[in-house]
Amino acid sequence: MDRFANGVNEDGKPKQPVTYKIGSGWKPGLLLSIADVNGDGNPDILGTDSEGKLMAYIHTGTFVREPGQGQRTFADPVSVGPGWNGMDLIT
């Protein structure tokens, strides 16, 4: 199973990247990080909202490649906890 959004060539190297929109409304200054939050081997997104809540966008297990549907790659965000507005890094 390949983990590249565009698949791999015959030699196993990633095909040329293509941009897939997975969301909108990300604001400069808000924290974002990519991590495997639930341990399933897929990249999840962690980010803060404008109120300082840490939100997790869990990968559905499938890269949705249809134009305009990339956001379906991730489930609806789940609040992890408040109080992140004073932080400047998620690791």
PDB file of N, CA and C in Angstrom:
ATOM      1  N   MET A   1       0.849  -1.183   0.000  1.00  0.00           N
ATOM      2  CA  MET A   1       0.000   0.000   0.000  1.00  0.00           C
ATOM      3  C   MET A   1       0.889   1.239   0.000  1.00  0.00           C
ATOM      4  N   ASP A   2       0.704   2.118  -0.970  1.00  0.00           N
ATOM      5  CA  ASP A   2       1.520   3.323  -0.987  1.00  0.00           C
ATOM      6  C   ASP A   2       0.897   4.387  -0.096  1.00  0.00           C
ATOM      7  N   ARG A   3       1.734   5.243   0.432  1.00  0.00           N
ATOM      8  CA  ARG A   3       1.279   6.330   1.306  1.00  0.00           C
ATOM      9  C   ARG A   3       1.451   7.686   0.627  1.00  0.00           C
ATOM     10  N   PHE A   4       1.583   7.693  -0.677  1.00  0.00           N
ATOM     11  CA  PHE A   4       1.758   8.938  -1.400  1.00  0.00           C
ATOM     12  C   PHE A   4       0.449   9.303  -2.091  1.00  0.00           C
ATOM     13  N   ALA A   5       0.072  10.564  -2.016  1.00  0.00           N
ATOM     14  CA  ALA A   5      -1.223  11.009  -2.540  1.00  0.00           C
ATOM     15  C   ALA A   5      -1.394  10.690  -4.021  1.00  0.00           C
ATOM     16  N   ASN A   6      -0.294  10.631  -4.763  1.00  0.00           N
ATOM     17  CA  ASN A   6      -0.367  10.380  -6.200  1.00  0.00           C
ATOM     18  C   ASN A   6       0.053   8.975  -6.584  1.00  0.00           C
ATOM     19  N   GLY A   7       0.343   8.116  -5.608  1.00  0.00           N
ATOM     20  CA  GLY A   7       0.816   6.776  -5.919  1.00  0.00           C
ATOM     21  C   GLY A   7       2.307   6.777  -6.217  1.00  0.00           C
ATOM     22  N   VAL A   8       2.797   5.679  -6.724  1.00  0.00           N
ATOM     23  CA  VAL A   8       4.222   5.533  -7.019  1.00  0.00           C
ATOM     24  C   VAL A   8       4.429   5.084  -8.461  1.00  0.00           C
ATOM     25  N   ASN A   9       5.628   5.372  -8.971  1.00  0.00           N
ATOM     26  CA  ASN A   9       6.017   4.901 -10.299  1.00  0.00           C
ATOM     27  C   ASN A   9       6.402   3.433 -10.215  1.00  0.00           C
ATOM     28  N   GLU A  10       6.763   2.845 -11.360  1.00  0.00           N
ATOM     29  CA  GLU A  10       7.168   1.437 -11.406  1.00  0.00           C
ATOM     30  C   GLU A  10       8.382   1.160 -10.523  1.00  0.00           C
ATOM     31  N   ASP A  11       9.242   2.181 -10.337  1.00  0.00           N
ATOM     32  CA  ASP A  11      10.439   2.007  -9.514  1.00  0.00           C
ATOM     33  C   ASP A  11      10.181   2.246  -8.024  1.00  0.00           C
ATOM     34  N   GLY A  12       8.926   2.494  -7.641  1.00  0.00           N
ATOM     35  CA  GLY A  12       8.571   2.684  -6.239  1.00  0.00           C
ATOM     36  C   GLY A  12       8.741   4.093  -5.717  1.00  0.00           C
ATOM     37  N   LYS A  13       9.167   5.022  -6.578  1.00  0.00           N
ATOM     38  CA  LYS A  13       9.330   6.411  -6.154  1.00  0.00           C
ATOM     39  C   LYS A  13       8.002   7.155  -6.303  1.00  0.00           C
ATOM     40  N   PRO A  14       7.759   8.149  -5.438  1.00  0.00           N
ATOM     41  CA  PRO A  14       6.501   8.905  -5.522  1.00  0.00           C
ATOM     42  C   PRO A  14       6.334   9.587  -6.878  1.00  0.00           C
ATOM     43  N   LYS A  15       5.119   9.570  -7.407  1.00  0.00           N
ATOM     44  CA  LYS A  15       4.832  10.325  -8.625  1.00  0.00           C
ATOM     45  C   LYS A  15       4.879  11.806  -8.293  1.00  0.00           C
ATOM     46  N   GLN A  16       4.958  12.617  -9.320  1.00  0.00           N
ATOM     47  CA  GLN A  16       5.012  14.060  -9.124  1.00  0.00           C
ATOM     48  C   GLN A  16       3.832  14.514  -8.264  1.00  0.00           C
ATOM     49  N   PRO A  17       4.102  15.437  -7.340  1.00  0.00           N
ATOM     50  CA  PRO A  17       3.031  15.876  -6.440  1.00  0.00           C
ATOM     51  C   PRO A  17       1.942  16.662  -7.147  1.00  0.00           C
ATOM     52  N   VAL A  18       0.758  16.513  -6.655  1.00  0.00           N
ATOM     53  CA  VAL A  18      -0.400  17.285  -7.085  1.00  0.00           C
ATOM     54  C   VAL A  18      -1.019  17.836  -5.820  1.00  0.00           C
ATOM     55  N   THR A  19      -1.502  19.054  -5.864  1.00  0.00           N
ATOM     56  CA  THR A  19      -2.106  19.668  -4.693  1.00  0.00           C
ATOM     57  C   THR A  19      -3.554  19.227  -4.545  1.00  0.00           C
ATOM     58  N   TYR A  20      -3.919  18.797  -3.330  1.00  0.00           N
ATOM     59  CA  TYR A  20      -5.287  18.436  -3.001  1.00  0.00           C
ATOM     60  C   TYR A  20      -5.737  19.310  -1.844  1.00  0.00           C
ATOM     61  N   LYS A  21      -6.792  20.062  -2.052  1.00  0.00           N
ATOM     62  CA  LYS A  21      -7.297  20.928  -1.000  1.00  0.00           C
ATOM     63  C   LYS A  21      -7.988  20.070   0.051  1.00  0.00           C
ATOM     64  N   ILE A  22      -7.555  20.186   1.304  1.00  0.00           N
ATOM     65  CA  ILE A  22      -8.167  19.402   2.371  1.00  0.00           C
ATOM     66  C   ILE A  22      -8.961  20.273   3.332  1.00  0.00           C
ATOM     67  N   GLY A  23      -8.916  21.565   3.155  1.00  0.00           N
ATOM     68  CA  GLY A  23      -9.668  22.450   4.030  1.00  0.00           C
ATOM     69  C   GLY A  23      -9.392  23.889   3.681  1.00  0.00           C
ATOM     70  N   SER A  24     -10.034  24.777   4.384  1.00  0.00           N
ATOM     71  CA  SER A  24      -9.824  26.196   4.170  1.00  0.00           C
ATOM     72  C   SER A  24     -10.039  26.927   5.492  1.00  0.00           C
ATOM     73  N   GLY A  25      -9.689  28.185   5.504  1.00  0.00           N
ATOM     74  CA  GLY A  25      -9.892  28.994   6.693  1.00  0.00           C
ATOM     75  C   GLY A  25      -8.747  28.954   7.679  1.00  0.00           C
ATOM     76  N   TRP A  26      -7.618  28.289   7.327  1.00  0.00           N
ATOM     77  CA  TRP A  26      -6.473  28.268   8.222  1.00  0.00           C
ATOM     78  C   TRP A  26      -5.934  29.690   8.312  1.00  0.00           C
ATOM     79  N   LYS A  27      -5.714  30.155   9.511  1.00  0.00           N
ATOM     80  CA  LYS A  27      -5.284  31.531   9.723  1.00  0.00           C
ATOM     81  C   LYS A  27      -3.802  31.568  10.113  1.00  0.00           C
ATOM     82  N   PRO A  28      -3.078  32.564   9.607  1.00  0.00           N
ATOM     83  CA  PRO A  28      -1.679  32.717  10.026  1.00  0.00           C
ATOM     84  C   PRO A  28      -1.608  32.885  11.541  1.00  0.00           C
ATOM     85  N   GLY A  29      -0.610  32.293  12.152  1.00  0.00           N
ATOM     86  CA  GLY A  29      -0.436  32.421  13.585  1.00  0.00           C
ATOM     87  C   GLY A  29      -1.065  31.296  14.387  1.00  0.00           C
ATOM     88  N   LEU A  30      -1.979  30.543  13.781  1.00  0.00           N
ATOM     89  CA  LEU A  30      -2.560  29.399  14.477  1.00  0.00           C
ATOM     90  C   LEU A  30      -1.628  28.209  14.297  1.00  0.00           C
ATOM     91  N   LEU A  31      -1.534  27.391  15.306  1.00  0.00           N
ATOM     92  CA  LEU A  31      -0.603  26.265  15.262  1.00  0.00           C
ATOM     93  C   LEU A  31      -1.142  25.116  14.434  1.00  0.00           C
ATOM     94  N   LEU A  32      -0.279  24.486  13.652  1.00  0.00           N
ATOM     95  CA  LEU A  32      -0.607  23.279  12.893  1.00  0.00           C
ATOM     96  C   LEU A  32       0.527  22.281  13.045  1.00  0.00           C
ATOM     97  N   SER A  33       0.169  21.015  13.099  1.00  0.00           N
ATOM     98  CA  SER A  33       1.167  19.952  13.165  1.00  0.00           C
ATOM     99  C   SER A  33       0.579  18.704  12.526  1.00  0.00           C
ATOM    100  N   ILE A  34       1.425  17.881  11.967  1.00  0.00           N
ATOM    101  CA  ILE A  34       0.998  16.601  11.415  1.00  0.00           C
ATOM    102  C   ILE A  34       1.579  15.510  12.301  1.00  0.00           C
ATOM    103  N   ALA A  35       0.714  14.602  12.742  1.00  0.00           N
ATOM    104  CA  ALA A  35       1.140  13.507  13.620  1.00  0.00           C
ATOM    105  C   ALA A  35       0.151  12.366  13.468  1.00  0.00           C
ATOM    106  N   ASP A  36       0.569  11.176  13.834  1.00  0.00           N
ATOM    107  CA  ASP A  36      -0.342  10.026  13.847  1.00  0.00           C
ATOM    108  C   ASP A  36      -0.976   9.980  15.235  1.00  0.00           C
ATOM    109  N   VAL A  37      -2.054  10.705  15.405  1.00  0.00           N
ATOM    110  CA  VAL A  37      -2.697  10.876  16.708  1.00  0.00           C
ATOM    111  C   VAL A  37      -3.262   9.561  17.249  1.00  0.00           C
ATOM    112  N   ASN A  38      -3.882   8.767  16.382  1.00  0.00           N
ATOM    113  CA  ASN A  38      -4.572   7.559  16.855  1.00  0.00           C
ATOM    114  C   ASN A  38      -3.807   6.258  16.585  1.00  0.00           C
ATOM    115  N   GLY A  39      -2.581   6.344  16.080  1.00  0.00           N
ATOM    116  CA  GLY A  39      -1.743   5.165  15.914  1.00  0.00           C
ATOM    117  C   GLY A  39      -2.116   4.235  14.776  1.00  0.00           C
ATOM    118  N   ASP A  40      -2.864   4.732  13.780  1.00  0.00           N
ATOM    119  CA  ASP A  40      -3.265   3.870  12.666  1.00  0.00           C
ATOM    120  C   ASP A  40      -2.303   3.906  11.488  1.00  0.00           C
ATOM    121  N   GLY A  41      -1.222   4.672  11.603  1.00  0.00           N
ATOM    122  CA  GLY A  41      -0.233   4.749  10.531  1.00  0.00           C
ATOM    123  C   GLY A  41      -0.529   5.814   9.491  1.00  0.00           C
ATOM    124  N   ASN A  42      -1.600   6.580   9.666  1.00  0.00           N
ATOM    125  CA  ASN A  42      -1.959   7.639   8.727  1.00  0.00           C
ATOM    126  C   ASN A  42      -1.695   9.005   9.345  1.00  0.00           C
ATOM    127  N   PRO A  43      -1.370  10.013   8.513  1.00  0.00           N
ATOM    128  CA  PRO A  43      -1.087  11.347   9.042  1.00  0.00           C
ATOM    129  C   PRO A  43      -2.360  12.087   9.423  1.00  0.00           C
ATOM    130  N   ASP A  44      -2.458  12.473  10.681  1.00  0.00           N
ATOM    131  CA  ASP A  44      -3.569  13.284  11.164  1.00  0.00           C
ATOM    132  C   ASP A  44      -3.072  14.717  11.309  1.00  0.00           C
ATOM    133  N   ILE A  45      -3.989  15.669  11.416  1.00  0.00           N
ATOM    134  CA  ILE A  45      -3.618  17.070  11.564  1.00  0.00           C
ATOM    135  C   ILE A  45      -4.072  17.556  12.935  1.00  0.00           C
ATOM    136  N   LEU A  46      -3.175  18.241  13.623  1.00  0.00           N
ATOM    137  CA  LEU A  46      -3.502  18.932  14.867  1.00  0.00           C
ATOM    138  C   LEU A  46      -3.412  20.421  14.590  1.00  0.00           C
ATOM    139  N   GLY A  47      -4.367  21.173  15.093  1.00  0.00           N
ATOM    140  CA  GLY A  47      -4.336  22.612  14.903  1.00  0.00           C
ATOM    141  C   GLY A  47      -5.134  23.314  15.966  1.00  0.00           C
ATOM    142  N   THR A  48      -4.799  24.574  16.185  1.00  0.00           N
ATOM    143  CA  THR A  48      -5.559  25.371  17.140  1.00  0.00           C
ATOM    144  C   THR A  48      -6.583  26.206  16.398  1.00  0.00           C
ATOM    145  N   ASP A  49      -7.716  26.432  17.063  1.00  0.00           N
ATOM    146  CA  ASP A  49      -8.709  27.328  16.478  1.00  0.00           C
ATOM    147  C   ASP A  49      -8.507  28.728  17.049  1.00  0.00           C
ATOM    148  N   SER A  50      -9.339  29.676  16.643  1.00  0.00           N
ATOM    149  CA  SER A  50      -9.158  31.066  17.057  1.00  0.00           C
ATOM    150  C   SER A  50      -9.381  31.271  18.549  1.00  0.00           C
ATOM    151  N   GLU A  51     -10.014  30.315  19.226  1.00  0.00           N
ATOM    152  CA  GLU A  51     -10.246  30.419  20.677  1.00  0.00           C
ATOM    153  C   GLU A  51      -9.169  29.715  21.486  1.00  0.00           C
ATOM    154  N   GLY A  52      -8.182  29.110  20.811  1.00  0.00           N
ATOM    155  CA  GLY A  52      -7.102  28.435  21.507  1.00  0.00           C
ATOM    156  C   GLY A  52      -7.379  26.976  21.819  1.00  0.00           C
ATOM    157  N   LYS A  53      -8.437  26.403  21.252  1.00  0.00           N
ATOM    158  CA  LYS A  53      -8.699  24.972  21.449  1.00  0.00           C
ATOM    159  C   LYS A  53      -7.832  24.167  20.479  1.00  0.00           C
ATOM    160  N   LEU A  54      -7.249  23.082  20.984  1.00  0.00           N
ATOM    161  CA  LEU A  54      -6.494  22.174  20.127  1.00  0.00           C
ATOM    162  C   LEU A  54      -7.481  21.218  19.474  1.00  0.00           C
ATOM    163  N   MET A  55      -7.453  21.144  18.144  1.00  0.00           N
ATOM    164  CA  MET A  55      -8.385  20.330  17.379  1.00  0.00           C
ATOM    165  C   MET A  55      -7.611  19.242  16.640  1.00  0.00           C
ATOM    166  N   ALA A  56      -8.183  18.041  16.581  1.00  0.00           N
ATOM    167  CA  ALA A  56      -7.580  16.929  15.844  1.00  0.00           C
ATOM    168  C   ALA A  56      -8.447  16.605  14.639  1.00  0.00           C
ATOM    169  N   TYR A  57      -7.823  16.535  13.475  1.00  0.00           N
ATOM    170  CA  TYR A  57      -8.475  16.144  12.229  1.00  0.00           C
ATOM    171  C   TYR A  57      -7.923  14.753  11.899  1.00  0.00           C
ATOM    172  N   ILE A  58      -8.685  13.723  12.182  1.00  0.00           N
ATOM    173  CA  ILE A  58      -8.224  12.344  12.056  1.00  0.00           C
ATOM    174  C   ILE A  58      -8.372  11.872  10.608  1.00  0.00           C
ATOM    175  N   HIS A  59      -7.317  11.276  10.086  1.00  0.00           N
ATOM    176  CA  HIS A  59      -7.301  10.733   8.727  1.00  0.00           C
ATOM    177  C   HIS A  59      -8.302   9.580   8.635  1.00  0.00           C
ATOM    178  N   THR A  60      -9.076   9.544   7.569  1.00  0.00           N
ATOM    179  CA  THR A  60     -10.100   8.504   7.406  1.00  0.00           C
ATOM    180  C   THR A  60      -9.530   7.162   6.963  1.00  0.00           C
ATOM    181  N   GLY A  61      -8.257   7.140   6.558  1.00  0.00           N
ATOM    182  CA  GLY A  61      -7.649   5.907   6.067  1.00  0.00           C
ATOM    183  C   GLY A  61      -7.614   5.848   4.551  1.00  0.00           C
ATOM    184  N   THR A  62      -8.220   6.828   3.893  1.00  0.00           N
ATOM    185  CA  THR A  62      -8.255   6.888   2.436  1.00  0.00           C
ATOM    186  C   THR A  62      -7.906   8.299   1.985  1.00  0.00           C
ATOM    187  N   PHE A  63      -6.984   8.393   1.023  1.00  0.00           N
ATOM    188  CA  PHE A  63      -6.710   9.682   0.408  1.00  0.00           C
ATOM    189  C   PHE A  63      -7.771   9.915  -0.659  1.00  0.00           C
ATOM    190  N   VAL A  64      -8.619  10.909  -0.451  1.00  0.00           N
ATOM    191  CA  VAL A  64      -9.681  11.212  -1.415  1.00  0.00           C
ATOM    192  C   VAL A  64      -9.069  12.085  -2.500  1.00  0.00           C
ATOM    193  N   ARG A  65      -9.025  11.548  -3.720  1.00  0.00           N
ATOM    194  CA  ARG A  65      -8.303  12.206  -4.812  1.00  0.00           C
ATOM    195  C   ARG A  65      -9.205  12.932  -5.796  1.00  0.00           C
ATOM    196  N   GLU A  66     -10.516  12.860  -5.626  1.00  0.00           N
ATOM    197  CA  GLU A  66     -11.397  13.550  -6.571  1.00  0.00           C
ATOM    198  C   GLU A  66     -11.244  15.059  -6.410  1.00  0.00           C
ATOM    199  N   PRO A  67     -11.196  15.796  -7.525  1.00  0.00           N
ATOM    200  CA  PRO A  67     -11.065  17.252  -7.450  1.00  0.00           C
ATOM    201  C   PRO A  67     -12.148  17.858  -6.569  1.00  0.00           C
ATOM    202  N   GLY A  68     -11.728  18.735  -5.666  1.00  0.00           N
ATOM    203  CA  GLY A  68     -12.663  19.421  -4.786  1.00  0.00           C
ATOM    204  C   GLY A  68     -13.150  18.595  -3.609  1.00  0.00           C
ATOM    205  N   GLN A  69     -12.658  17.366  -3.454  1.00  0.00           N
ATOM    206  CA  GLN A  69     -13.140  16.495  -2.377  1.00  0.00           C
ATOM    207  C   GLN A  69     -12.038  16.080  -1.402  1.00  0.00           C
ATOM    208  N   GLY A  70     -10.860  16.678  -1.505  1.00  0.00           N
ATOM    209  CA  GLY A  70      -9.733  16.302  -0.660  1.00  0.00           C
ATOM    210  C   GLY A  70     -10.005  16.418   0.824  1.00  0.00           C
ATOM    211  N   GLN A  71     -10.902  17.337   1.223  1.00  0.00           N
ATOM    212  CA  GLN A  71     -11.212  17.495   2.640  1.00  0.00           C
ATOM    213  C   GLN A  71     -11.835  16.239   3.227  1.00  0.00           C
ATOM    214  N   ARG A  72     -12.387  15.352   2.399  1.00  0.00           N
ATOM    215  CA  ARG A  72     -12.969  14.102   2.887  1.00  0.00           C
ATOM    216  C   ARG A  72     -11.897  13.108   3.328  1.00  0.00           C
ATOM    217  N   THR A  73     -10.625  13.439   3.112  1.00  0.00           N
ATOM    218  CA  THR A  73      -9.529  12.606   3.588  1.00  0.00           C
ATOM    219  C   THR A  73      -9.504  12.593   5.124  1.00  0.00           C
ATOM    220  N   PHE A  74     -10.039  13.638   5.744  1.00  0.00           N
ATOM    221  CA  PHE A  74     -10.037  13.769   7.202  1.00  0.00           C
ATOM    222  C   PHE A  74     -11.461  13.847   7.731  1.00  0.00           C
ATOM    223  N   ALA A  75     -11.666  13.270   8.923  1.00  0.00           N
ATOM    224  CA  ALA A  75     -12.964  13.344   9.585  1.00  0.00           C
ATOM    225  C   ALA A  75     -13.169  14.762  10.123  1.00  0.00           C
ATOM    226  N   ASP A  76     -14.391  15.058  10.527  1.00  0.00           N
ATOM    227  CA  ASP A  76     -14.673  16.347  11.149  1.00  0.00           C
ATOM    228  C   ASP A  76     -13.774  16.519  12.373  1.00  0.00           C
ATOM    229  N   PRO A  77     -13.345  17.752  12.661  1.00  0.00           N
ATOM    230  CA  PRO A  77     -12.431  17.969  13.773  1.00  0.00           C
ATOM    231  C   PRO A  77     -13.052  17.626  15.127  1.00  0.00           C
ATOM    232  N   VAL A  78     -12.180  17.159  16.022  1.00  0.00           N
ATOM    233  CA  VAL A  78     -12.570  16.812  17.378  1.00  0.00           C
ATOM    234  C   VAL A  78     -11.743  17.672  18.324  1.00  0.00           C
ATOM    235  N   SER A  79     -12.378  18.282  19.306  1.00  0.00           N
ATOM    236  CA  SER A  79     -11.661  19.100  20.274  1.00  0.00           C
ATOM    237  C   SER A  79     -10.849  18.213  21.210  1.00  0.00           C
ATOM    238  N   VAL A  80      -9.559  18.527  21.335  1.00  0.00           N
ATOM    239  CA  VAL A  80      -8.676  17.797  22.232  1.00  0.00           C
ATOM    240  C   VAL A  80      -8.620  18.498  23.588  1.00  0.00           C
ATOM    241  N   GLY A  81      -8.657  19.824  23.578  1.00  0.00           N
ATOM    242  CA  GLY A  81      -8.646  20.568  24.833  1.00  0.00           C
ATOM    243  C   GLY A  81      -8.389  22.044  24.631  1.00  0.00           C
ATOM    244  N   PRO A  82      -8.799  22.869  25.601  1.00  0.00           N
ATOM    245  CA  PRO A  82      -8.606  24.319  25.513  1.00  0.00           C
ATOM    246  C   PRO A  82      -7.252  24.746  26.056  1.00  0.00           C
ATOM    247  N   GLY A  83      -6.968  26.035  25.938  1.00  0.00           N
ATOM    248  CA  GLY A  83      -5.785  26.624  26.566  1.00  0.00           C
ATOM    249  C   GLY A  83      -4.530  26.634  25.729  1.00  0.00           C
ATOM    250  N   TRP A  84      -4.644  26.419  24.436  1.00  0.00           N
ATOM    251  CA  TRP A  84      -3.462  26.355  23.577  1.00  0.00           C
ATOM    252  C   TRP A  84      -3.118  27.707  22.948  1.00  0.00           C
ATOM    253  N   ASN A  85      -3.896  28.761  23.246  1.00  0.00           N
ATOM    254  CA  ASN A  85      -3.650  30.064  22.608  1.00  0.00           C
ATOM    255  C   ASN A  85      -2.355  30.715  23.067  1.00  0.00           C
ATOM    256  N   GLY A  86      -1.747  30.284  24.156  1.00  0.00           N
ATOM    257  CA  GLY A  86      -0.481  30.828  24.597  1.00  0.00           C
ATOM    258  C   GLY A  86       0.719  30.056  24.076  1.00  0.00           C
ATOM    259  N   MET A  87       0.481  28.993  23.355  1.00  0.00           N
ATOM    260  CA  MET A  87       1.577  28.150  22.871  1.00  0.00           C
ATOM    261  C   MET A  87       2.065  28.616  21.498  1.00  0.00           C
ATOM    262  N   ASP A  88       3.311  28.292  21.176  1.00  0.00           N
ATOM    263  CA  ASP A  88       3.828  28.635  19.852  1.00  0.00           C
ATOM    264  C   ASP A  88       4.392  27.433  19.113  1.00  0.00           C
ATOM    265  N   LEU A  89       4.175  26.217  19.666  1.00  0.00           N
ATOM    266  CA  LEU A  89       4.698  25.022  19.012  1.00  0.00           C
ATOM    267  C   LEU A  89       3.927  23.791  19.484  1.00  0.00           C
ATOM    268  N   ILE A  90       3.597  22.911  18.547  1.00  0.00           N
ATOM    269  CA  ILE A  90       3.018  21.609  18.861  1.00  0.00           C
ATOM    270  C   ILE A  90       4.022  20.585  18.390  1.00  0.00           C
ATOM    271  N   THR A  91       4.427  19.668  19.272  1.00  0.00           N
ATOM    272  CA  THR A  91       5.367  18.620  18.851  1.00  0.00           C
ATOM    273  C   THR A  91       4.813  17.252  19.170  1.00  0.00           C
TER     274      THR A  91
END
